[in-house]
Amino acid sequence: QPQLVESGGGFVQPGGSLRLSCAASGFSLDNYAIAWFRQAPGKEREGVSYISGRDGTTYYSDSVKGRFTVSSDNAENMVYLQMNSLKPEDTADYYCAADHVVLVRRYLTPDEYDYWGQGTQVTVSA
Protein backbone atom coordinates (compact mmCIF):
# COMPACT_ATOMS: atom_id res chain seq x y z
CA GLN A 1 0.00 0.00 0.00
CA PRO A 2 1.55 3.31 -1.04
CA GLN A 3 2.22 5.69 1.80
CA LEU A 4 3.25 9.33 1.79
CA VAL A 5 4.62 11.36 4.67
CA GLU A 6 5.13 15.12 4.44
CA SER A 7 7.51 17.16 6.54
CA GLY A 8 9.18 20.55 6.56
CA GLY A 9 6.28 22.83 7.33
CA GLY A 10 6.53 25.62 9.83
CA PHE A 11 6.28 29.32 10.47
CA VAL A 12 8.02 31.80 8.20
CA GLN A 13 7.88 35.53 7.60
CA PRO A 14 6.72 36.93 4.25
CA GLY A 15 9.49 36.73 1.69
CA GLY A 16 11.02 33.73 3.38
CA SER A 17 11.55 30.18 2.18
CA LEU A 18 10.66 26.66 3.20
CA ARG A 19 11.36 23.27 1.71
CA LEU A 20 8.72 20.60 2.08
CA SER A 21 9.56 16.93 1.76
CA CYS A 22 7.36 14.02 0.79
CA ALA A 23 8.68 10.56 1.67
CA ALA A 24 7.12 7.83 -0.44
CA SER A 25 7.03 4.16 0.51
CA GLY A 26 5.31 1.06 -0.80
CA PHE A 27 5.86 2.05 -4.41
CA SER A 28 8.52 3.39 -6.74
CA LEU A 29 8.44 6.99 -7.87
CA ASP A 30 9.68 5.74 -11.24
CA ASN A 31 6.11 4.67 -12.02
CA TYR A 32 4.06 7.36 -10.32
CA ALA A 33 3.11 10.98 -10.54
CA ILE A 34 3.24 13.19 -7.46
CA ALA A 35 1.42 16.44 -6.86
CA TRP A 36 1.42 18.96 -4.06
CA PHE A 37 -1.86 20.40 -2.89
CA ARG A 38 -2.73 22.90 -0.22
CA GLN A 39 -5.83 23.74 1.73
CA ALA A 40 -6.38 26.89 3.72
CA PRO A 41 -9.10 27.09 6.39
CA GLY A 42 -12.50 27.50 4.79
CA LYS A 43 -11.16 27.03 1.29
CA GLU A 44 -11.13 24.21 -1.21
CA ARG A 45 -8.06 22.08 -1.78
CA GLU A 46 -5.85 23.69 -4.41
CA GLY A 47 -3.24 21.99 -6.57
CA VAL A 48 0.08 23.83 -6.67
CA SER A 49 2.60 21.58 -8.40
CA TYR A 50 3.06 18.28 -10.19
CA ILE A 51 5.99 16.11 -11.12
CA SER A 52 6.13 12.91 -13.11
CA GLY A 53 8.36 10.30 -11.56
CA ARG A 54 8.73 8.74 -14.99
CA ASP A 55 10.09 11.63 -17.00
CA GLY A 56 10.43 14.58 -14.66
CA THR A 57 7.69 16.65 -16.28
CA THR A 58 6.64 19.46 -13.95
CA TYR A 59 3.64 21.73 -13.80
CA TYR A 60 2.67 24.62 -11.54
CA SER A 61 -0.39 26.62 -10.73
CA ASP A 62 -0.28 30.26 -11.72
CA SER A 63 -0.38 31.24 -8.06
CA VAL A 64 3.04 29.70 -7.34
CA LYS A 65 4.78 29.70 -10.72
CA GLY A 66 8.20 31.30 -10.48
CA ARG A 67 8.29 30.96 -6.68
CA PHE A 68 7.91 27.24 -6.04
CA THR A 69 10.03 24.44 -7.48
CA VAL A 70 9.15 20.76 -7.33
CA SER A 71 11.82 18.08 -7.62
CA SER A 72 12.24 14.40 -6.98
CA ASP A 73 14.99 12.04 -5.94
CA ASN A 74 13.79 8.72 -7.27
CA ALA A 75 16.70 6.82 -5.75
CA GLU A 76 15.57 7.99 -2.32
CA ASN A 77 11.86 7.94 -3.19
CA MET A 78 11.56 11.55 -2.10
CA VAL A 79 9.76 14.54 -3.58
CA TYR A 80 10.51 18.11 -2.55
CA LEU A 81 8.74 21.43 -2.85
CA GLN A 82 11.04 24.42 -2.53
CA MET A 83 8.95 27.46 -1.68
CA ASN A 84 10.54 30.89 -2.05
CA SER A 85 9.19 34.43 -1.75
CA LEU A 86 6.43 33.16 0.47
CA LYS A 87 3.32 35.28 0.94
CA PRO A 88 0.66 35.25 3.66
CA GLU A 89 -1.75 33.78 1.12
CA ASP A 90 0.49 30.69 0.91
CA THR A 91 -0.57 29.81 4.44
CA ALA A 92 -2.24 26.40 4.33
CA ASP A 93 -1.88 22.73 5.08
CA TYR A 94 0.22 21.19 2.34
CA TYR A 95 -0.29 17.64 1.10
CA CYS A 96 1.52 15.41 -1.34
CA ALA A 97 -0.49 12.95 -3.37
CA ALA A 98 0.41 10.13 -5.74
CA ASP A 99 -1.15 8.11 -8.47
CA HIS A 100 0.02 5.71 -11.12
CA VAL A 101 -1.66 7.52 -14.00
CA VAL A 102 -2.74 11.14 -14.14
CA LEU A 103 -4.44 12.54 -17.18
CA VAL A 104 -2.90 15.50 -18.93
CA ARG A 105 -4.71 18.76 -17.99
CA ARG A 106 -5.75 17.16 -14.70
CA TYR A 107 -2.34 17.28 -13.05
CA LEU A 108 -3.64 19.51 -10.26
CA THR A 109 -7.07 17.92 -9.84
CA PRO A 110 -7.42 16.23 -6.44
CA ASP A 111 -9.75 13.52 -7.77
CA GLU A 112 -6.95 12.18 -9.96
CA TYR A 113 -4.96 11.01 -6.94
CA ASP A 114 -5.65 7.94 -4.84
CA TYR A 115 -2.88 8.22 -2.26
CA TRP A 116 -2.42 11.12 0.13
CA GLY A 117 -0.17 12.08 2.97
CA GLN A 118 -1.36 13.52 6.27
CA GLY A 119 -0.24 17.04 5.51
CA THR A 120 2.17 19.58 6.95
CA GLN A 121 1.23 23.07 8.06
CA VAL A 122 2.77 26.19 6.56
CA THR A 123 2.15 29.58 8.14
CA VAL A 124 3.42 32.77 6.52
CA SER A 125 2.99 35.78 8.75
CA ALA A 126 4.80 38.83 10.00
C-alpha atoms as a PDB file:
ATOM      1  CA  GLN A   1       0.000   0.000   0.000  1.00  0.00           C
ATOM      2  CA  PRO A   2       1.548   3.305  -1.035  1.00  0.00           C
ATOM      3  CA  GLN A   3       2.224   5.695   1.804  1.00  0.00           C
ATOM      4  CA  LEU A   4       3.255   9.329   1.789  1.00  0.00           C
ATOM      5  CA  VAL A   5       4.623  11.361   4.672  1.00  0.00           C
ATOM      6  CA  GLU A   6       5.128  15.117   4.438  1.00  0.00           C
ATOM      7  CA  SER A   7       7.511  17.164   6.540  1.00  0.00           C
ATOM      8  CA  GLY A   8       9.184  20.547   6.563  1.00  0.00           C
ATOM      9  CA  GLY A   9       6.276  22.832   7.327  1.00  0.00           C
ATOM     10  CA  GLY A  10       6.528  25.624   9.828  1.00  0.00           C
ATOM     11  CA  PHE A  11       6.278  29.318  10.472  1.00  0.00           C
ATOM     12  CA  VAL A  12       8.024  31.800   8.199  1.00  0.00           C
ATOM     13  CA  GLN A  13       7.880  35.530   7.600  1.00  0.00           C
ATOM     14  CA  PRO A  14       6.720  36.929   4.254  1.00  0.00           C
ATOM     15  CA  GLY A  15       9.490  36.734   1.693  1.00  0.00           C
ATOM     16  CA  GLY A  16      11.024  33.735   3.384  1.00  0.00           C
ATOM     17  CA  SER A  17      11.545  30.180   2.180  1.00  0.00           C
ATOM     18  CA  LEU A  18      10.664  26.665   3.200  1.00  0.00           C
ATOM     19  CA  ARG A  19      11.362  23.273   1.712  1.00  0.00           C
ATOM     20  CA  LEU A  20       8.719  20.601   2.077  1.00  0.00           C
ATOM     21  CA  SER A  21       9.558  16.930   1.756  1.00  0.00           C
ATOM     22  CA  CYS A  22       7.360  14.025   0.792  1.00  0.00           C
ATOM     23  CA  ALA A  23       8.678  10.563   1.670  1.00  0.00           C
ATOM     24  CA  ALA A  24       7.118   7.833  -0.437  1.00  0.00           C
ATOM     25  CA  SER A  25       7.034   4.159   0.512  1.00  0.00           C
ATOM     26  CA  GLY A  26       5.311   1.062  -0.799  1.00  0.00           C
ATOM     27  CA  PHE A  27       5.858   2.048  -4.410  1.00  0.00           C
ATOM     28  CA  SER A  28       8.523   3.387  -6.737  1.00  0.00           C
ATOM     29  CA  LEU A  29       8.440   6.986  -7.874  1.00  0.00           C
ATOM     30  CA  ASP A  30       9.679   5.739 -11.245  1.00  0.00           C
ATOM     31  CA  ASN A  31       6.112   4.667 -12.024  1.00  0.00           C
ATOM     32  CA  TYR A  32       4.063   7.357 -10.320  1.00  0.00           C
ATOM     33  CA  ALA A  33       3.107  10.977 -10.538  1.00  0.00           C
ATOM     34  CA  ILE A  34       3.240  13.192  -7.465  1.00  0.00           C
ATOM     35  CA  ALA A  35       1.418  16.437  -6.861  1.00  0.00           C
ATOM     36  CA  TRP A  36       1.424  18.961  -4.060  1.00  0.00           C
ATOM     37  CA  PHE A  37      -1.864  20.397  -2.891  1.00  0.00           C
ATOM     38  CA  ARG A  38      -2.732  22.898  -0.222  1.00  0.00           C
ATOM     39  CA  GLN A  39      -5.829  23.744   1.727  1.00  0.00           C
ATOM     40  CA  ALA A  40      -6.378  26.889   3.717  1.00  0.00           C
ATOM     41  CA  PRO A  41      -9.099  27.092   6.388  1.00  0.00           C
ATOM     42  CA  GLY A  42     -12.497  27.498   4.789  1.00  0.00           C
ATOM     43  CA  LYS A  43     -11.158  27.029   1.288  1.00  0.00           C
ATOM     44  CA  GLU A  44     -11.127  24.207  -1.215  1.00  0.00           C
ATOM     45  CA  ARG A  45      -8.064  22.079  -1.776  1.00  0.00           C
ATOM     46  CA  GLU A  46      -5.852  23.686  -4.406  1.00  0.00           C
ATOM     47  CA  GLY A  47      -3.245  21.985  -6.566  1.00  0.00           C
ATOM     48  CA  VAL A  48       0.075  23.830  -6.674  1.00  0.00           C
ATOM     49  CA  SER A  49       2.598  21.584  -8.404  1.00  0.00           C
ATOM     50  CA  TYR A  50       3.057  18.279 -10.194  1.00  0.00           C
ATOM     51  CA  ILE A  51       5.991  16.109 -11.118  1.00  0.00           C
ATOM     52  CA  SER A  52       6.134  12.914 -13.107  1.00  0.00           C
ATOM     53  CA  GLY A  53       8.362  10.299 -11.561  1.00  0.00           C
ATOM     54  CA  ARG A  54       8.730   8.737 -14.989  1.00  0.00           C
ATOM     55  CA  ASP A  55      10.085  11.628 -17.002  1.00  0.00           C
ATOM     56  CA  GLY A  56      10.426  14.582 -14.658  1.00  0.00           C
ATOM     57  CA  THR A  57       7.693  16.655 -16.282  1.00  0.00           C
ATOM     58  CA  THR A  58       6.644  19.456 -13.953  1.00  0.00           C
ATOM     59  CA  TYR A  59       3.643  21.727 -13.803  1.00  0.00           C
ATOM     60  CA  TYR A  60       2.670  24.621 -11.540  1.00  0.00           C
ATOM     61  CA  SER A  61      -0.390  26.617 -10.728  1.00  0.00           C
ATOM     62  CA  ASP A  62      -0.276  30.258 -11.717  1.00  0.00           C
ATOM     63  CA  SER A  63      -0.376  31.240  -8.064  1.00  0.00           C
ATOM     64  CA  VAL A  64       3.036  29.698  -7.342  1.00  0.00           C
ATOM     65  CA  LYS A  65       4.777  29.704 -10.725  1.00  0.00           C
ATOM     66  CA  GLY A  66       8.197  31.300 -10.481  1.00  0.00           C
ATOM     67  CA  ARG A  67       8.286  30.961  -6.680  1.00  0.00           C
ATOM     68  CA  PHE A  68       7.906  27.237  -6.036  1.00  0.00           C
ATOM     69  CA  THR A  69      10.029  24.438  -7.479  1.00  0.00           C
ATOM     70  CA  VAL A  70       9.147  20.758  -7.332  1.00  0.00           C
ATOM     71  CA  SER A  71      11.821  18.079  -7.622  1.00  0.00           C
ATOM     72  CA  SER A  72      12.244  14.396  -6.978  1.00  0.00           C
ATOM     73  CA  ASP A  73      14.994  12.039  -5.941  1.00  0.00           C
ATOM     74  CA  ASN A  74      13.785   8.717  -7.271  1.00  0.00           C
ATOM     75  CA  ALA A  75      16.696   6.820  -5.755  1.00  0.00           C
ATOM     76  CA  GLU A  76      15.569   7.993  -2.319  1.00  0.00           C
ATOM     77  CA  ASN A  77      11.862   7.940  -3.186  1.00  0.00           C
ATOM     78  CA  MET A  78      11.560  11.552  -2.099  1.00  0.00           C
ATOM     79  CA  VAL A  79       9.765  14.543  -3.576  1.00  0.00           C
ATOM     80  CA  TYR A  80      10.508  18.106  -2.550  1.00  0.00           C
ATOM     81  CA  LEU A  81       8.735  21.429  -2.846  1.00  0.00           C
ATOM     82  CA  GLN A  82      11.043  24.420  -2.532  1.00  0.00           C
ATOM     83  CA  MET A  83       8.950  27.457  -1.685  1.00  0.00           C
ATOM     84  CA  ASN A  84      10.536  30.887  -2.051  1.00  0.00           C
ATOM     85  CA  SER A  85       9.187  34.429  -1.745  1.00  0.00           C
ATOM     86  CA  LEU A  86       6.429  33.158   0.475  1.00  0.00           C
ATOM     87  CA  LYS A  87       3.323  35.278   0.935  1.00  0.00           C
ATOM     88  CA  PRO A  88       0.661  35.254   3.664  1.00  0.00           C
ATOM     89  CA  GLU A  89      -1.754  33.783   1.120  1.00  0.00           C
ATOM     90  CA  ASP A  90       0.493  30.693   0.908  1.00  0.00           C
ATOM     91  CA  THR A  91      -0.573  29.807   4.442  1.00  0.00           C
ATOM     92  CA  ALA A  92      -2.242  26.396   4.333  1.00  0.00           C
ATOM     93  CA  ASP A  93      -1.883  22.728   5.077  1.00  0.00           C
ATOM     94  CA  TYR A  94       0.219  21.188   2.336  1.00  0.00           C
ATOM     95  CA  TYR A  95      -0.289  17.641   1.104  1.00  0.00           C
ATOM     96  CA  CYS A  96       1.516  15.414  -1.345  1.00  0.00           C
ATOM     97  CA  ALA A  97      -0.491  12.953  -3.375  1.00  0.00           C
ATOM     98  CA  ALA A  98       0.409  10.128  -5.739  1.00  0.00           C
ATOM     99  CA  ASP A  99      -1.151   8.111  -8.475  1.00  0.00           C
ATOM    100  CA  HIS A 100       0.025   5.709 -11.123  1.00  0.00           C
ATOM    101  CA  VAL A 101      -1.659   7.518 -13.999  1.00  0.00           C
ATOM    102  CA  VAL A 102      -2.742  11.144 -14.135  1.00  0.00           C
ATOM    103  CA  LEU A 103      -4.437  12.543 -17.182  1.00  0.00           C
ATOM    104  CA  VAL A 104      -2.897  15.504 -18.929  1.00  0.00           C
ATOM    105  CA  ARG A 105      -4.706  18.757 -17.992  1.00  0.00           C
ATOM    106  CA  ARG A 106      -5.754  17.161 -14.698  1.00  0.00           C
ATOM    107  CA  TYR A 107      -2.340  17.285 -13.053  1.00  0.00           C
ATOM    108  CA  LEU A 108      -3.636  19.508 -10.259  1.00  0.00           C
ATOM    109  CA  THR A 109      -7.071  17.918  -9.843  1.00  0.00           C
ATOM    110  CA  PRO A 110      -7.424  16.229  -6.436  1.00  0.00           C
ATOM    111  CA  ASP A 111      -9.755  13.521  -7.767  1.00  0.00           C
ATOM    112  CA  GLU A 112      -6.949  12.183  -9.963  1.00  0.00           C
ATOM    113  CA  TYR A 113      -4.963  11.010  -6.944  1.00  0.00           C
ATOM    114  CA  ASP A 114      -5.653   7.943  -4.844  1.00  0.00           C
ATOM    115  CA  TYR A 115      -2.884   8.216  -2.262  1.00  0.00           C
ATOM    116  CA  TRP A 116      -2.422  11.121   0.134  1.00  0.00           C
ATOM    117  CA  GLY A 117      -0.166  12.084   2.968  1.00  0.00           C
ATOM    118  CA  GLN A 118      -1.363  13.518   6.268  1.00  0.00           C
ATOM    119  CA  GLY A 119      -0.238  17.039   5.509  1.00  0.00           C
ATOM    120  CA  THR A 120       2.169  19.577   6.945  1.00  0.00           C
ATOM    121  CA  GLN A 121       1.229  23.072   8.057  1.00  0.00           C
ATOM    122  CA  VAL A 122       2.773  26.188   6.565  1.00  0.00           C
ATOM    123  CA  THR A 123       2.154  29.579   8.142  1.00  0.00           C
ATOM    124  CA  VAL A 124       3.418  32.770   6.518  1.00  0.00           C
ATOM    125  CA  SER A 125       2.994  35.777   8.755  1.00  0.00           C
ATOM    126  CA  ALA A 126       4.804  38.834   9.997  1.00  0.00           C
END
